[in-house]
Amino acid sequence: MEPSIAIQALESSNVDERRQAAEACAKNTDLAQAAVIPLCRCCADDDEQVSEWANGALEELGPPAKEELPALIDLLTAAAPTAYWAVTLVGRLEEAGSPALPQLVAAINQPETPTEVRDRAIWAIGKIGSGDASVHEALQKAAASDNPRTARLAASTLEKL
């Protein structure tokens, strides 16, 4: 499957086309690399097979192309499955993901952020690294969280920075 066809199919209103494209991406990392943004969106698909294939494709993917960063930043406030993968991919960019730090800090600080997205934002900051005061403040607040996992992740990330 050509990357442009896969991208178009992942964005299709036809569930069978989305399933086939997501499966193709899960079986071909080069194809998945070209379709990072639509795959992130498909993680929140109403069809379970589409979302499972999309998740599988992203799990096997390494860091995305740096050119994808602006679109990934835009997805950080999307529904939980999409935002989770956008945060994960930003973290996989490591230092190159640093332009997303303000949005990652916002994800940590906003009470309505789902726990799995908040925890992944903490992980991503640890991968990116930052000495910024707002990052440290957000992590210190998260380290005092009632959620033991969130508190542990934040404390561990603070130690790394």
Protein backbone atom coordinates (compact mmCIF):
# COMPACT_ATOMS: atom_id res chain seq x y z
CA MET A 1 0.00 0.00 0.00
CA GLU A 2 1.32 3.44 -0.92
CA PRO A 3 1.69 5.89 1.99
CA SER A 4 -0.67 8.44 0.45
CA ILE A 5 -3.32 5.75 -0.04
CA ALA A 6 -2.88 4.52 3.54
CA ILE A 7 -3.25 8.04 4.92
CA GLN A 8 -6.36 8.62 2.84
CA ALA A 9 -7.81 5.26 3.95
CA LEU A 10 -7.08 5.94 7.63
CA GLU A 11 -9.08 9.15 7.31
CA SER A 12 -11.93 7.49 5.40
CA SER A 13 -15.50 7.30 6.66
CA ASN A 14 -15.50 3.65 5.52
CA VAL A 15 -14.59 1.44 8.48
CA ASP A 16 -13.33 -1.40 6.28
CA GLU A 17 -10.88 0.96 4.57
CA ARG A 18 -9.66 2.22 7.96
CA ARG A 19 -9.24 -1.35 9.23
CA GLN A 20 -7.23 -2.43 6.19
CA ALA A 21 -5.02 0.65 6.31
CA ALA A 22 -4.40 0.38 10.06
CA GLU A 23 -3.54 -3.31 9.68
CA ALA A 24 -1.17 -2.53 6.80
CA CYS A 25 0.56 0.10 8.97
CA ALA A 26 0.86 -2.36 11.86
CA LYS A 27 2.63 -4.78 9.54
CA ASN A 28 4.90 -2.22 7.85
CA THR A 29 6.79 0.30 9.99
CA ASP A 30 7.78 2.39 6.95
CA LEU A 31 4.12 2.81 6.11
CA ALA A 32 3.30 3.59 9.74
CA GLN A 33 6.07 6.18 9.85
CA ALA A 34 4.42 8.00 6.94
CA ALA A 35 1.00 7.86 8.61
CA VAL A 36 1.82 8.84 12.21
CA ILE A 37 -0.82 11.54 12.63
CA PRO A 38 -3.77 9.60 11.15
CA LEU A 39 -2.71 6.56 13.20
CA CYS A 40 -2.82 8.65 16.38
CA ARG A 41 -6.34 9.72 15.50
CA CYS A 42 -7.36 6.13 14.72
CA CYS A 43 -6.41 5.07 18.24
CA ALA A 44 -9.67 6.70 19.32
CA ASP A 45 -11.69 5.08 16.51
CA ASP A 46 -15.12 3.74 17.44
CA ASP A 47 -14.23 0.49 15.70
CA GLU A 48 -12.21 -1.71 18.06
CA GLN A 49 -10.22 -3.37 15.27
CA VAL A 50 -9.18 -0.04 13.80
CA SER A 51 -8.03 1.25 17.18
CA GLU A 52 -6.20 -2.01 18.01
CA TRP A 53 -4.33 -2.05 14.68
CA ALA A 54 -3.46 1.64 15.05
CA ASN A 55 -2.19 1.08 18.60
CA GLY A 56 -0.16 -1.89 17.39
CA ALA A 57 1.39 0.16 14.59
CA LEU A 58 2.41 2.94 16.98
CA GLU A 59 3.78 0.53 19.57
CA GLU A 60 6.27 -0.81 17.03
CA LEU A 61 7.23 2.62 15.74
CA GLY A 62 10.34 4.41 16.90
CA PRO A 63 10.55 8.18 16.97
CA PRO A 64 8.49 10.00 14.37
CA ALA A 65 9.96 12.40 11.85
CA LYS A 66 10.79 15.75 13.49
CA GLU A 67 8.53 17.43 10.93
CA GLU A 68 5.56 15.74 12.63
CA LEU A 69 6.11 17.66 15.89
CA PRO A 70 3.71 20.59 15.19
CA ALA A 71 0.89 18.19 14.32
CA LEU A 72 1.66 16.06 17.37
CA ILE A 73 1.53 19.15 19.58
CA ASP A 74 -1.92 19.89 18.14
CA LEU A 75 -3.06 16.39 19.17
CA LEU A 76 -1.96 16.75 22.79
CA THR A 77 -5.40 18.03 23.78
CA ALA A 78 -7.36 15.42 21.80
CA ALA A 79 -9.28 12.47 23.30
CA ALA A 80 -7.23 10.27 25.65
CA PRO A 81 -6.08 7.53 23.23
CA THR A 82 -5.00 10.09 20.63
CA ALA A 83 -3.36 12.40 23.18
CA TYR A 84 -1.60 9.46 24.83
CA TRP A 85 0.05 8.49 21.55
CA ALA A 86 0.87 12.09 20.64
CA VAL A 87 2.62 12.51 24.00
CA THR A 88 4.42 9.19 23.57
CA LEU A 89 5.69 10.13 20.13
CA VAL A 90 6.82 13.55 21.35
CA GLY A 91 8.76 11.79 24.12
CA ARG A 92 10.34 9.44 21.61
CA LEU A 93 11.77 12.50 19.87
CA GLU A 94 13.76 13.14 23.06
CA GLU A 95 15.49 16.56 22.99
CA ALA A 96 13.97 17.36 19.58
CA GLY A 97 10.55 17.29 21.30
CA SER A 98 11.44 20.27 23.51
CA PRO A 99 9.12 22.71 21.66
CA ALA A 100 6.24 20.68 23.16
CA LEU A 101 7.31 21.27 26.78
CA PRO A 102 4.74 24.04 27.46
CA GLN A 103 1.92 21.76 26.27
CA LEU A 104 3.27 18.82 28.28
CA VAL A 105 3.41 21.00 31.40
CA ALA A 106 -0.17 22.10 30.70
CA ALA A 107 -1.22 18.44 30.42
CA ILE A 108 0.31 17.74 33.82
CA ASN A 109 -1.25 20.79 35.46
CA GLN A 110 -4.79 20.53 34.07
CA PRO A 111 -7.06 18.55 36.41
CA GLU A 112 -9.19 17.30 33.50
CA THR A 113 -6.22 15.57 31.84
CA PRO A 114 -6.76 11.79 31.98
CA THR A 115 -4.31 10.08 34.34
CA GLU A 116 -2.70 7.97 31.60
CA VAL A 117 -2.01 11.10 29.51
CA ARG A 118 -0.65 12.99 32.55
CA ASP A 119 1.63 10.10 33.44
CA ARG A 120 2.83 9.83 29.86
CA ALA A 121 3.52 13.59 29.77
CA ILE A 122 5.72 13.14 32.86
CA TRP A 123 7.53 10.28 31.10
CA ALA A 124 7.96 12.40 27.95
CA ILE A 125 9.48 15.28 29.92
CA GLY A 126 11.96 12.83 31.37
CA LYS A 127 12.93 11.74 27.85
CA ILE A 128 13.17 15.32 26.56
CA GLY A 129 14.95 16.78 29.60
CA SER A 130 14.55 20.35 30.80
CA GLY A 131 15.86 22.64 33.47
CA ASP A 132 12.95 25.03 33.01
CA ALA A 133 11.35 26.27 36.24
CA SER A 134 7.78 25.65 35.00
CA VAL A 135 8.68 22.02 34.24
CA HIS A 136 10.16 21.51 37.72
CA GLU A 137 7.15 23.19 39.34
CA ALA A 138 4.69 20.95 37.47
CA LEU A 139 6.70 17.85 38.35
CA GLN A 140 6.92 18.84 42.02
CA LYS A 141 3.15 19.30 42.11
CA ALA A 142 2.66 15.92 40.41
CA ALA A 143 5.09 14.29 42.86
CA ALA A 144 2.64 15.27 45.62
CA SER A 145 -0.27 13.62 43.77
CA ASP A 146 -2.67 11.28 45.56
CA ASN A 147 -2.10 8.86 42.68
CA PRO A 148 0.90 6.73 43.70
CA ARG A 149 1.98 6.01 40.11
CA THR A 150 1.84 9.68 39.11
CA ALA A 151 3.74 10.70 42.25
CA ARG A 152 6.42 8.03 41.67
CA LEU A 153 6.87 8.95 37.98
CA ALA A 154 7.14 12.65 38.79
CA ALA A 155 9.65 12.08 41.58
CA SER A 156 11.74 9.81 39.35
CA THR A 157 11.66 12.34 36.51
CA LEU A 158 12.71 15.14 38.86
CA GLU A 159 15.71 13.06 39.92
CA LYS A 160 16.72 12.61 36.25
CA LEU A 161 16.53 16.32 35.52
